[in-house]
Amino acid sequence: MQSSQVFQCAFAILIVCLFNPALALADDRKTVADLDTTYQAAVKVNDDATMNRILADDFILVDGDGTTSTKADLLKEARSRRITYEHQDEIDQSQQVRLWGDTAVVTAKLWGKGTEGGKPFEWVLWFSDTYVRTPKGWTYAFGQASLPLPTRSTHGIDIPIVPARLEDVSSPEAIVKADYESISGGIGVPRQWGRDLSLYDPHARSFVVYKDSKTGALTPWSPTQQEYVDEADDHLTKAGFSEGEVGHKVYRFGNVATVLSSYEGKLASTGKLYTRGVNIYQLYFADKRWWISSVSWDGENYINEIPAELLPVK
């Protein structure tokens, strides 16, 4: 391409950006997002050369406990290979980039897991990274990290914190299917509680009403996910409980949805049908994925049959 053509092409691009600032803003946002993702990946493999290229010379990181680190400190740590990461990953599609002129702030939730000095660690925290535009391009100038978030397991079963699988949270049907799969398995097979937890809003609860066999009184139980796991894990695992969908109907309005999902539960220990009923899922869409905000269920009985519209067509 001749120099005049190159100039004309560059000039055309400049004109487009000048008269379409939204396009330029989107380009900057993507550039910074990709740069921060590259930086986190470099930390994960102790790639000090890439870290050195992205970090500003006067960079400062402030941790949640008030500890500060300079660029030299971080590069020294990477070169020592004292920390080995299995995970150093942004999770829950949480990354957001905000732009103000030549300054950009990236926030995201970060999952770290590995060994430090031979000792295992695992945490999830929020970070905020500030980038500034220089004549040489964007550079990482200042970082802040929260203290590790409290683990959701304070007693009973330890639920691992894992990122949601994209295929699990891509649609109302997909997230319901993943919920069934997570709690199902053969005798002695561990349930996928980490996967299951990743489907739910942090404040989600389940709701079920039980009938007292002696008094006939109806008593609601509304556990958190942790409380449900603590109560159900032993029975589900020992009996080889598996639950699958029979039929469903989805009612969606904008970014919220209700799914009526009929189910059958079977026990590998007996090979027999254990329960049938209907789960009612309340869902919402945010952060580029679906979330379960609550699930309520009731079992089928002789006066409470599964509706025909939730059964397979014969």
C-alpha atoms as a PDB file:
ATOM      1  CA  MET A   1       0.000   0.000   0.000  1.00  0.00           C
ATOM      2  CA  GLN A   2       1.397   3.435  -0.931  1.00  0.00           C
ATOM      3  CA  SER A   3       2.047   6.052   1.751  1.00  0.00           C
ATOM      4  CA  SER A   4      -0.803   8.246   0.483  1.00  0.00           C
ATOM      5  CA  GLN A   5      -3.242   5.356   0.818  1.00  0.00           C
ATOM      6  CA  VAL A   6      -2.010   4.619   4.366  1.00  0.00           C
ATOM      7  CA  PHE A   7      -2.513   8.272   5.271  1.00  0.00           C
ATOM      8  CA  GLN A   8      -6.006   8.297   3.824  1.00  0.00           C
ATOM      9  CA  CYS A   9      -6.940   5.129   5.711  1.00  0.00           C
ATOM     10  CA  ALA A  10      -5.603   6.500   9.009  1.00  0.00           C
ATOM     11  CA  PHE A  11      -7.351   9.816   8.413  1.00  0.00           C
ATOM     12  CA  ALA A  12     -10.658   8.023   7.744  1.00  0.00           C
ATOM     13  CA  ILE A  13     -10.354   6.062  10.970  1.00  0.00           C
ATOM     14  CA  LEU A  14      -9.613   9.275  12.877  1.00  0.00           C
ATOM     15  CA  ILE A  15     -12.679  10.971  11.408  1.00  0.00           C
ATOM     16  CA  VAL A  16     -14.882   8.006  12.357  1.00  0.00           C
ATOM     17  CA  CYS A  17     -13.633   8.108  15.944  1.00  0.00           C
ATOM     18  CA  LEU A  18     -14.027  11.887  16.192  1.00  0.00           C
ATOM     19  CA  PHE A  19     -17.607  11.795  15.005  1.00  0.00           C
ATOM     20  CA  ASN A  20     -18.471   8.555  16.785  1.00  0.00           C
ATOM     21  CA  PRO A  21     -17.049   8.847  20.338  1.00  0.00           C
ATOM     22  CA  ALA A  22     -19.019   5.790  21.445  1.00  0.00           C
ATOM     23  CA  LEU A  23     -16.934   3.672  19.065  1.00  0.00           C
ATOM     24  CA  ALA A  24     -13.689   5.077  20.448  1.00  0.00           C
ATOM     25  CA  LEU A  25     -14.930   4.510  24.011  1.00  0.00           C
ATOM     26  CA  ALA A  26     -15.782   0.886  23.261  1.00  0.00           C
ATOM     27  CA  ASP A  27     -12.347   0.339  21.732  1.00  0.00           C
ATOM     28  CA  ASP A  28     -10.626   1.796  24.811  1.00  0.00           C
ATOM     29  CA  ARG A  29     -12.777  -0.293  27.129  1.00  0.00           C
ATOM     30  CA  LYS A  30     -11.894  -3.489  25.264  1.00  0.00           C
ATOM     31  CA  THR A  31      -8.199  -2.580  25.150  1.00  0.00           C
ATOM     32  CA  VAL A  32      -8.060  -2.054  28.918  1.00  0.00           C
ATOM     33  CA  ALA A  33     -10.161  -5.170  29.641  1.00  0.00           C
ATOM     34  CA  ASP A  34      -7.859  -7.314  27.507  1.00  0.00           C
ATOM     35  CA  LEU A  35      -4.769  -5.765  29.097  1.00  0.00           C
ATOM     36  CA  ASP A  36      -5.986  -6.506  32.622  1.00  0.00           C
ATOM     37  CA  THR A  37      -6.875 -10.078  31.653  1.00  0.00           C
ATOM     38  CA  THR A  38      -3.374 -10.451  30.209  1.00  0.00           C
ATOM     39  CA  TYR A  39      -1.876  -9.136  33.435  1.00  0.00           C
ATOM     40  CA  GLN A  40      -3.816 -11.601  35.624  1.00  0.00           C
ATOM     41  CA  ALA A  41      -2.739 -14.436  33.330  1.00  0.00           C
ATOM     42  CA  ALA A  42       0.891 -13.299  33.651  1.00  0.00           C
ATOM     43  CA  VAL A  43       0.674 -13.334  37.456  1.00  0.00           C
ATOM     44  CA  LYS A  44      -0.758 -16.870  37.296  1.00  0.00           C
ATOM     45  CA  VAL A  45       2.365 -18.228  35.541  1.00  0.00           C
ATOM     46  CA  ASN A  46       4.868 -15.828  37.181  1.00  0.00           C
ATOM     47  CA  ASP A  47       5.585 -14.163  33.820  1.00  0.00           C
ATOM     48  CA  ASP A  48       7.624 -11.228  35.130  1.00  0.00           C
ATOM     49  CA  ALA A  49       8.432  -9.949  31.623  1.00  0.00           C
ATOM     50  CA  THR A  50       4.767  -9.355  30.786  1.00  0.00           C
ATOM     51  CA  MET A  51       4.098  -7.931  34.255  1.00  0.00           C
ATOM     52  CA  ASN A  52       7.025  -5.535  33.803  1.00  0.00           C
ATOM     53  CA  ARG A  53       5.653  -4.365  30.454  1.00  0.00           C
ATOM     54  CA  ILE A  54       2.174  -3.624  31.825  1.00  0.00           C
ATOM     55  CA  LEU A  55       3.023  -2.137  35.250  1.00  0.00           C
ATOM     56  CA  ALA A  56       3.853   1.551  35.565  1.00  0.00           C
ATOM     57  CA  ASP A  57       7.271   2.284  37.071  1.00  0.00           C
ATOM     58  CA  ASP A  58       5.662   4.044  40.067  1.00  0.00           C
ATOM     59  CA  PHE A  59       2.962   1.380  40.486  1.00  0.00           C
ATOM     60  CA  ILE A  60       1.512   0.754  43.973  1.00  0.00           C
ATOM     61  CA  LEU A  61      -0.749  -2.081  45.147  1.00  0.00           C
ATOM     62  CA  VAL A  62      -2.702  -1.767  48.403  1.00  0.00           C
ATOM     63  CA  ASP A  63      -4.016  -5.023  49.864  1.00  0.00           C
ATOM     64  CA  GLY A  64      -7.072  -5.317  52.091  1.00  0.00           C
ATOM     65  CA  ASP A  65      -4.936  -5.515  55.229  1.00  0.00           C
ATOM     66  CA  GLY A  66      -3.152  -2.271  54.355  1.00  0.00           C
ATOM     67  CA  THR A  67       0.033  -3.873  53.011  1.00  0.00           C
ATOM     68  CA  THR A  68       1.555  -2.017  50.051  1.00  0.00           C
ATOM     69  CA  SER A  69       3.688  -3.427  47.240  1.00  0.00           C
ATOM     70  CA  THR A  70       5.668  -1.673  44.509  1.00  0.00           C
ATOM     71  CA  LYS A  71       6.364  -2.805  40.984  1.00  0.00           C
ATOM     72  CA  ALA A  72       9.768  -4.058  42.120  1.00  0.00           C
ATOM     73  CA  ASP A  73       8.139  -6.078  44.921  1.00  0.00           C
ATOM     74  CA  LEU A  74       5.753  -7.839  42.546  1.00  0.00           C
ATOM     75  CA  LEU A  75       8.440  -8.620  39.972  1.00  0.00           C
ATOM     76  CA  LYS A  76      10.725  -9.995  42.691  1.00  0.00           C
ATOM     77  CA  GLU A  77       7.896 -12.217  43.957  1.00  0.00           C
ATOM     78  CA  ALA A  78       7.189 -13.533  40.451  1.00  0.00           C
ATOM     79  CA  ARG A  79      10.858 -14.311  39.800  1.00  0.00           C
ATOM     80  CA  SER A  80      11.156 -16.213  43.083  1.00  0.00           C
ATOM     81  CA  ARG A  81       8.438 -18.686  41.963  1.00  0.00           C
ATOM     82  CA  ARG A  82       7.513 -18.941  45.653  1.00  0.00           C
ATOM     83  CA  ILE A  83       3.805 -18.868  44.721  1.00  0.00           C
ATOM     84  CA  THR A  84       2.426 -21.476  42.348  1.00  0.00           C
ATOM     85  CA  TYR A  85      -1.080 -20.828  41.073  1.00  0.00           C
ATOM     86  CA  GLU A  86      -3.616 -23.418  40.049  1.00  0.00           C
ATOM     87  CA  HIS A  87      -6.131 -20.605  39.621  1.00  0.00           C
ATOM     88  CA  GLN A  88      -5.687 -16.843  39.312  1.00  0.00           C
ATOM     89  CA  ASP A  89      -8.839 -16.168  37.388  1.00  0.00           C
ATOM     90  CA  GLU A  90     -11.547 -13.532  37.145  1.00  0.00           C
ATOM     91  CA  ILE A  91     -14.838 -15.304  37.844  1.00  0.00           C
ATOM     92  CA  ASP A  92     -18.606 -14.912  37.414  1.00  0.00           C
ATOM     93  CA  GLN A  93     -18.006 -12.721  34.343  1.00  0.00           C
ATOM     94  CA  SER A  94     -17.596  -9.937  36.901  1.00  0.00           C
ATOM     95  CA  GLN A  95     -15.057  -7.762  35.050  1.00  0.00           C
ATOM     96  CA  GLN A  96     -16.229  -4.195  34.429  1.00  0.00           C
ATOM     97  CA  VAL A  97     -14.278  -1.304  32.915  1.00  0.00           C
ATOM     98  CA  ARG A  98     -15.173   2.331  33.601  1.00  0.00           C
ATOM     99  CA  LEU A  99     -13.557   5.126  31.602  1.00  0.00           C
ATOM    100  CA  TRP A 100     -12.982   8.794  32.402  1.00  0.00           C
ATOM    101  CA  GLY A 101     -10.881  10.372  29.666  1.00  0.00           C
ATOM    102  CA  ASP A 102      -7.373   8.970  29.962  1.00  0.00           C
ATOM    103  CA  THR A 103      -8.136   7.011  33.146  1.00  0.00           C
ATOM    104  CA  ALA A 104      -9.763   3.583  33.343  1.00  0.00           C
ATOM    105  CA  VAL A 105     -10.774   1.521  36.372  1.00  0.00           C
ATOM    106  CA  VAL A 106     -11.210  -2.233  36.157  1.00  0.00           C
ATOM    107  CA  THR A 107     -13.152  -4.081  38.859  1.00  0.00           C
ATOM    108  CA  ALA A 108     -13.606  -7.840  39.038  1.00  0.00           C
ATOM    109  CA  LYS A 109     -13.918 -10.780  41.392  1.00  0.00           C
ATOM    110  CA  LEU A 110     -10.743 -12.872  41.466  1.00  0.00           C
ATOM    111  CA  TRP A 111     -10.363 -16.518  42.478  1.00  0.00           C
ATOM    112  CA  GLY A 112      -6.914 -17.571  43.628  1.00  0.00           C
ATOM    113  CA  LYS A 113      -5.851 -21.111  44.487  1.00  0.00           C
ATOM    114  CA  GLY A 114      -2.417 -22.658  44.754  1.00  0.00           C
ATOM    115  CA  THR A 115       0.528 -22.970  47.117  1.00  0.00           C
ATOM    116  CA  GLU A 116       2.668 -20.303  48.759  1.00  0.00           C
ATOM    117  CA  GLY A 117       5.948 -21.509  50.180  1.00  0.00           C
ATOM    118  CA  GLY A 118       4.600 -25.043  49.887  1.00  0.00           C
ATOM    119  CA  LYS A 119       1.428 -24.285  51.855  1.00  0.00           C
ATOM    120  CA  PRO A 120      -1.956 -24.455  50.100  1.00  0.00           C
ATOM    121  CA  PHE A 121      -4.223 -21.411  49.874  1.00  0.00           C
ATOM    122  CA  GLU A 122      -7.550 -20.508  48.313  1.00  0.00           C
ATOM    123  CA  TRP A 123      -9.426 -17.232  48.343  1.00  0.00           C
ATOM    124  CA  VAL A 124     -11.906 -15.095  46.456  1.00  0.00           C
ATOM    125  CA  LEU A 125     -11.619 -11.314  46.570  1.00  0.00           C
ATOM    126  CA  TRP A 126     -12.586  -8.145  44.723  1.00  0.00           C
ATOM    127  CA  PHE A 127      -9.963  -5.939  43.130  1.00  0.00           C
ATOM    128  CA  SER A 128      -9.894  -2.525  41.535  1.00  0.00           C
ATOM    129  CA  ASP A 129      -7.145  -1.737  38.999  1.00  0.00           C
ATOM    130  CA  THR A 130      -6.490   1.784  37.704  1.00  0.00           C
ATOM    131  CA  TYR A 131      -4.993   2.258  34.246  1.00  0.00           C
ATOM    132  CA  VAL A 132      -3.814   5.513  32.696  1.00  0.00           C
ATOM    133  CA  ARG A 133      -3.216   6.355  29.066  1.00  0.00           C
ATOM    134  CA  THR A 134       0.352   7.377  28.207  1.00  0.00           C
ATOM    135  CA  PRO A 135       2.005   8.240  24.882  1.00  0.00           C
ATOM    136  CA  LYS A 136       3.066   4.565  24.746  1.00  0.00           C
ATOM    137  CA  GLY A 137      -0.385   3.212  25.505  1.00  0.00           C
ATOM    138  CA  TRP A 138      -2.312   2.128  28.599  1.00  0.00           C
ATOM    139  CA  THR A 139      -0.364   1.223  31.743  1.00  0.00           C
ATOM    140  CA  TYR A 140      -1.382  -0.260  35.096  1.00  0.00           C
ATOM    141  CA  ALA A 141      -0.718   2.475  37.675  1.00  0.00           C
ATOM    142  CA  PHE A 142      -2.544   1.573  40.901  1.00  0.00           C
ATOM    143  CA  GLY A 143      -4.267  -1.467  42.366  1.00  0.00           C
ATOM    144  CA  GLN A 144      -6.458  -2.207  45.374  1.00  0.00           C
ATOM    145  CA  ALA A 145      -7.553  -5.619  46.615  1.00  0.00           C
ATOM    146  CA  SER A 146     -10.144  -6.470  49.237  1.00  0.00           C
ATOM    147  CA  LEU A 147      -9.609  -8.910  52.052  1.00  0.00           C
ATOM    148  CA  PRO A 148     -10.571 -12.458  51.061  1.00  0.00           C
ATOM    149  CA  LEU A 149     -14.343 -12.806  51.063  1.00  0.00           C
ATOM    150  CA  PRO A 150     -15.829 -14.948  53.836  1.00  0.00           C
ATOM    151  CA  THR A 151     -16.294 -18.539  52.784  1.00  0.00           C
ATOM    152  CA  ARG A 152     -19.911 -19.540  52.629  1.00  0.00           C
ATOM    153  CA  SER A 153     -19.151 -22.698  54.558  1.00  0.00           C
ATOM    154  CA  THR A 154     -18.963 -21.901  58.275  1.00  0.00           C
ATOM    155  CA  HIS A 155     -19.899 -25.403  59.393  1.00  0.00           C
ATOM    156  CA  GLY A 156     -20.830 -28.791  58.011  1.00  0.00           C
ATOM    157  CA  ILE A 157     -19.980 -29.517  54.388  1.00  0.00           C
ATOM    158  CA  ASP A 158     -17.178 -27.457  52.876  1.00  0.00           C
ATOM    159  CA  ILE A 159     -18.442 -26.133  49.544  1.00  0.00           C
ATOM    160  CA  PRO A 160     -15.642 -25.231  47.121  1.00  0.00           C
ATOM    161  CA  ILE A 161     -15.896 -21.870  45.373  1.00  0.00           C
ATOM    162  CA  VAL A 162     -15.731 -22.431  41.634  1.00  0.00           C
ATOM    163  CA  PRO A 163     -16.632 -20.204  38.669  1.00  0.00           C
ATOM    164  CA  ALA A 164     -19.894 -20.928  36.918  1.00  0.00           C
ATOM    165  CA  ARG A 165     -19.641 -22.877  33.688  1.00  0.00           C
ATOM    166  CA  LEU A 166     -20.821 -20.679  30.829  1.00  0.00           C
ATOM    167  CA  GLU A 167     -22.977 -23.471  29.429  1.00  0.00           C
ATOM    168  CA  ASP A 168     -24.703 -23.861  32.822  1.00  0.00           C
ATOM    169  CA  VAL A 169     -25.894 -20.257  33.031  1.00  0.00           C
ATOM    170  CA  SER A 170     -26.623 -19.466  29.382  1.00  0.00           C
ATOM    171  CA  SER A 171     -30.426 -19.879  29.545  1.00  0.00           C
ATOM    172  CA  PRO A 172     -33.255 -20.645  32.002  1.00  0.00           C
ATOM    173  CA  GLU A 173     -33.407 -24.218  30.711  1.00  0.00           C
ATOM    174  CA  ALA A 174     -29.635 -24.670  31.043  1.00  0.00           C
ATOM    175  CA  ILE A 175     -29.416 -23.472  34.642  1.00  0.00           C
ATOM    176  CA  VAL A 176     -32.278 -25.739  35.738  1.00  0.00           C
ATOM    177  CA  LYS A 177     -30.633 -28.721  34.014  1.00  0.00           C
ATOM    178  CA  ALA A 178     -27.336 -27.932  35.756  1.00  0.00           C
ATOM    179  CA  ASP A 179     -29.076 -27.774  39.139  1.00  0.00           C
ATOM    180  CA  TYR A 180     -30.483 -31.283  38.648  1.00  0.00           C
ATOM    181  CA  GLU A 181     -27.134 -32.640  37.496  1.00  0.00           C
ATOM    182  CA  SER A 182     -25.242 -31.113  40.426  1.00  0.00           C
ATOM    183  CA  ILE A 183     -27.270 -32.840  43.137  1.00  0.00           C
ATOM    184  CA  SER A 184     -27.464 -36.233  41.377  1.00  0.00           C
ATOM    185  CA  GLY A 185     -25.109 -39.179  41.441  1.00  0.00           C
ATOM    186  CA  GLY A 186     -24.548 -42.821  42.323  1.00  0.00           C
ATOM    187  CA  ILE A 187     -24.038 -44.349  45.756  1.00  0.00           C
ATOM    188  CA  GLY A 188     -21.008 -42.783  47.420  1.00  0.00           C
ATOM    189  CA  VAL A 189     -20.444 -40.351  44.561  1.00  0.00           C
ATOM    190  CA  PRO A 190     -19.773 -36.814  45.872  1.00  0.00           C
ATOM    191  CA  ARG A 191     -22.338 -34.243  44.808  1.00  0.00           C
ATOM    192  CA  GLN A 192     -21.138 -31.279  42.732  1.00  0.00           C
ATOM    193  CA  TRP A 193     -21.866 -28.707  45.427  1.00  0.00           C
ATOM    194  CA  GLY A 194     -19.379 -26.155  44.125  1.00  0.00           C
ATOM    195  CA  ARG A 195     -20.968 -26.268  40.690  1.00  0.00           C
ATOM    196  CA  ASP A 196     -24.430 -26.060  42.230  1.00  0.00           C
ATOM    197  CA  LEU A 197     -23.525 -23.062  44.386  1.00  0.00           C
ATOM    198  CA  SER A 198     -22.209 -21.209  41.332  1.00  0.00           C
ATOM    199  CA  LEU A 199     -25.746 -21.232  39.894  1.00  0.00           C
ATOM    200  CA  TYR A 200     -27.290 -19.358  42.812  1.00  0.00           C
ATOM    201  CA  ASP A 201     -27.437 -15.732  43.877  1.00  0.00           C
ATOM    202  CA  PRO A 202     -25.403 -15.329  47.111  1.00  0.00           C
ATOM    203  CA  HIS A 203     -28.614 -14.501  49.008  1.00  0.00           C
ATOM    204  CA  ALA A 204     -30.719 -17.281  47.494  1.00  0.00           C
ATOM    205  CA  ARG A 205     -32.946 -19.517  49.589  1.00  0.00           C
ATOM    206  CA  SER A 206     -35.031 -22.601  48.968  1.00  0.00           C
ATOM    207  CA  PHE A 207     -38.606 -22.991  50.166  1.00  0.00           C
ATOM    208  CA  VAL A 208     -40.514 -26.180  50.917  1.00  0.00           C
ATOM    209  CA  VAL A 209     -43.504 -26.905  53.151  1.00  0.00           C
ATOM    210  CA  TYR A 210     -43.584 -30.155  55.141  1.00  0.00           C
ATOM    211  CA  LYS A 211     -46.583 -31.752  56.789  1.00  0.00           C
ATOM    212  CA  ASP A 212     -46.080 -32.929  60.362  1.00  0.00           C
ATOM    213  CA  SER A 213     -47.006 -36.633  60.410  1.00  0.00           C
ATOM    214  CA  LYS A 214     -48.428 -36.382  63.934  1.00  0.00           C
ATOM    215  CA  THR A 215     -50.207 -33.041  64.008  1.00  0.00           C
ATOM    216  CA  GLY A 216     -50.864 -32.470  60.316  1.00  0.00           C
ATOM    217  CA  ALA A 217     -49.494 -28.944  60.656  1.00  0.00           C
ATOM    218  CA  LEU A 218     -47.745 -27.456  57.642  1.00  0.00           C
ATOM    219  CA  THR A 219     -44.246 -26.239  58.470  1.00  0.00           C
ATOM    220  CA  PRO A 220     -42.089 -24.227  56.042  1.00  0.00           C
ATOM    221  CA  TRP A 221     -38.351 -24.783  55.697  1.00  0.00           C
ATOM    222  CA  SER A 222     -36.344 -22.058  53.955  1.00  0.00           C
ATOM    223  CA  PRO A 223     -32.650 -22.996  54.034  1.00  0.00           C
ATOM    224  CA  THR A 224     -29.731 -21.146  52.533  1.00  0.00           C
ATOM    225  CA  GLN A 225     -27.724 -23.180  50.059  1.00  0.00           C
ATOM    226  CA  GLN A 226     -25.203 -24.003  52.790  1.00  0.00           C
ATOM    227  CA  GLU A 227     -27.964 -25.156  55.134  1.00  0.00           C
ATOM    228  CA  TYR A 228     -29.519 -27.289  52.411  1.00  0.00           C
ATOM    229  CA  VAL A 229     -26.178 -28.950  51.624  1.00  0.00           C
ATOM    230  CA  ASP A 230     -25.469 -29.645  55.298  1.00  0.00           C
ATOM    231  CA  GLU A 231     -28.880 -31.244  55.706  1.00  0.00           C
ATOM    232  CA  ALA A 232     -29.089 -33.205  52.445  1.00  0.00           C
ATOM    233  CA  ASP A 233     -25.561 -34.290  51.493  1.00  0.00           C
ATOM    234  CA  ASP A 234     -25.319 -37.422  53.629  1.00  0.00           C
ATOM    235  CA  HIS A 235     -28.657 -38.857  52.495  1.00  0.00           C
ATOM    236  CA  LEU A 236     -28.220 -37.991  48.814  1.00  0.00           C
ATOM    237  CA  THR A 237     -24.742 -39.524  48.691  1.00  0.00           C
ATOM    238  CA  LYS A 238     -25.393 -42.685  50.678  1.00  0.00           C
ATOM    239  CA  ALA A 239     -28.665 -43.501  48.883  1.00  0.00           C
ATOM    240  CA  GLY A 240     -27.383 -42.592  45.425  1.00  0.00           C
ATOM    241  CA  PHE A 241     -30.151 -40.062  44.858  1.00  0.00           C
ATOM    242  CA  SER A 242     -30.633 -38.742  41.342  1.00  0.00           C
ATOM    243  CA  GLU A 243     -33.221 -36.212  40.213  1.00  0.00           C
ATOM    244  CA  GLY A 244     -34.222 -35.501  36.644  1.00  0.00           C
ATOM    245  CA  GLU A 245     -36.690 -33.276  34.878  1.00  0.00           C
ATOM    246  CA  VAL A 246     -39.915 -34.718  33.464  1.00  0.00           C
ATOM    247  CA  GLY A 247     -41.251 -31.562  31.802  1.00  0.00           C
ATOM    248  CA  HIS A 248     -41.152 -27.790  32.144  1.00  0.00           C
ATOM    249  CA  LYS A 249     -42.709 -24.472  31.212  1.00  0.00           C
ATOM    250  CA  VAL A 250     -40.802 -21.185  31.125  1.00  0.00           C
ATOM    251  CA  TYR A 251     -42.452 -17.808  31.740  1.00  0.00           C
ATOM    252  CA  ARG A 252     -40.077 -14.969  30.922  1.00  0.00           C
ATOM    253  CA  PHE A 253     -40.439 -11.218  31.025  1.00  0.00           C
ATOM    254  CA  GLY A 254     -37.325  -9.235  30.139  1.00  0.00           C
ATOM    255  CA  ASN A 255     -34.544 -10.187  32.529  1.00  0.00           C
ATOM    256  CA  VAL A 256     -36.629 -12.290  34.913  1.00  0.00           C
ATOM    257  CA  ALA A 257     -38.103 -15.744  34.469  1.00  0.00           C
ATOM    258  CA  THR A 258     -40.082 -18.403  36.312  1.00  0.00           C
ATOM    259  CA  VAL A 259     -39.556 -22.046  35.432  1.00  0.00           C
ATOM    260  CA  LEU A 260     -42.047 -24.714  36.469  1.00  0.00           C
ATOM    261  CA  SER A 261     -40.121 -27.975  36.308  1.00  0.00           C
ATOM    262  CA  SER A 262     -41.659 -31.340  37.176  1.00  0.00           C
ATOM    263  CA  TYR A 263     -39.187 -33.902  38.474  1.00  0.00           C
ATOM    264  CA  GLU A 264     -38.654 -37.527  39.389  1.00  0.00           C
ATOM    265  CA  GLY A 265     -36.182 -38.598  42.050  1.00  0.00           C
ATOM    266  CA  LYS A 266     -34.782 -42.136  42.190  1.00  0.00           C
ATOM    267  CA  LEU A 267     -32.538 -43.998  44.636  1.00  0.00           C
ATOM    268  CA  ALA A 268     -29.736 -46.197  43.347  1.00  0.00           C
ATOM    269  CA  SER A 269     -29.846 -48.046  46.687  1.00  0.00           C
ATOM    270  CA  THR A 270     -33.308 -49.422  45.908  1.00  0.00           C
ATOM    271  CA  GLY A 271     -33.571 -48.915  42.172  1.00  0.00           C
ATOM    272  CA  LYS A 272     -37.039 -47.485  42.733  1.00  0.00           C
ATOM    273  CA  LEU A 273     -38.790 -44.178  42.207  1.00  0.00           C
ATOM    274  CA  TYR A 274     -38.417 -42.160  45.397  1.00  0.00           C
ATOM    275  CA  THR A 275     -40.327 -38.960  44.772  1.00  0.00           C
ATOM    276  CA  ARG A 276     -42.112 -36.862  42.154  1.00  0.00           C
ATOM    277  CA  GLY A 277     -43.153 -33.242  42.275  1.00  0.00           C
ATOM    278  CA  VAL A 278     -42.679 -29.756  40.902  1.00  0.00           C
ATOM    279  CA  ASN A 279     -39.797 -27.326  41.382  1.00  0.00           C
ATOM    280  CA  ILE A 280     -40.555 -23.637  40.836  1.00  0.00           C
ATOM    281  CA  TYR A 281     -37.426 -21.657  39.972  1.00  0.00           C
ATOM    282  CA  GLN A 282     -37.223 -17.859  40.181  1.00  0.00           C
ATOM    283  CA  LEU A 283     -34.430 -16.589  37.924  1.00  0.00           C
ATOM    284  CA  TYR A 284     -32.903 -13.302  36.838  1.00  0.00           C
ATOM    285  CA  PHE A 285     -30.378 -12.289  34.177  1.00  0.00           C
ATOM    286  CA  ALA A 286     -27.445 -10.031  35.123  1.00  0.00           C
ATOM    287  CA  ASP A 287     -23.688  -9.849  34.504  1.00  0.00           C
ATOM    288  CA  LYS A 288     -24.148 -11.730  31.220  1.00  0.00           C
ATOM    289  CA  ARG A 289     -25.599 -14.835  32.867  1.00  0.00           C
ATOM    290  CA  TRP A 290     -28.664 -16.325  34.564  1.00  0.00           C
ATOM    291  CA  TRP A 291     -28.942 -16.694  38.358  1.00  0.00           C
ATOM    292  CA  ILE A 292     -31.274 -18.683  40.597  1.00  0.00           C
ATOM    293  CA  SER A 293     -32.722 -16.361  43.231  1.00  0.00           C
ATOM    294  CA  SER A 294     -34.954 -19.016  44.806  1.00  0.00           C
ATOM    295  CA  VAL A 295     -36.427 -22.448  44.251  1.00  0.00           C
ATOM    296  CA  SER A 296     -39.600 -23.798  45.863  1.00  0.00           C
ATOM    297  CA  TRP A 297     -40.896 -27.313  45.552  1.00  0.00           C
ATOM    298  CA  ASP A 298     -43.666 -29.643  46.618  1.00  0.00           C
ATOM    299  CA  GLY A 299     -44.091 -33.367  46.223  1.00  0.00           C
ATOM    300  CA  GLU A 300     -46.845 -35.111  44.321  1.00  0.00           C
ATOM    301  CA  ASN A 301     -49.567 -36.962  46.246  1.00  0.00           C
ATOM    302  CA  TYR A 302     -53.063 -38.279  45.641  1.00  0.00           C
ATOM    303  CA  ILE A 303     -54.643 -34.848  46.055  1.00  0.00           C
ATOM    304  CA  ASN A 304     -51.784 -32.891  44.492  1.00  0.00           C
ATOM    305  CA  GLU A 305     -50.940 -34.399  41.116  1.00  0.00           C
ATOM    306  CA  ILE A 306     -48.418 -33.020  38.647  1.00  0.00           C
ATOM    307  CA  PRO A 307     -50.318 -30.867  36.080  1.00  0.00           C
ATOM    308  CA  ALA A 308     -50.742 -32.417  32.656  1.00  0.00           C
ATOM    309  CA  GLU A 309     -48.840 -29.560  30.967  1.00  0.00           C
ATOM    310  CA  LEU A 310     -45.711 -30.567  32.950  1.00  0.00           C
ATOM    311  CA  LEU A 311     -45.879 -34.204  31.861  1.00  0.00           C
ATOM    312  CA  PRO A 312     -44.567 -35.709  28.623  1.00  0.00           C
ATOM    313  CA  VAL A 313     -47.047 -35.859  25.766  1.00  0.00           C
ATOM    314  CA  LYS A 314     -48.224 -39.441  25.323  1.00  0.00           C
END
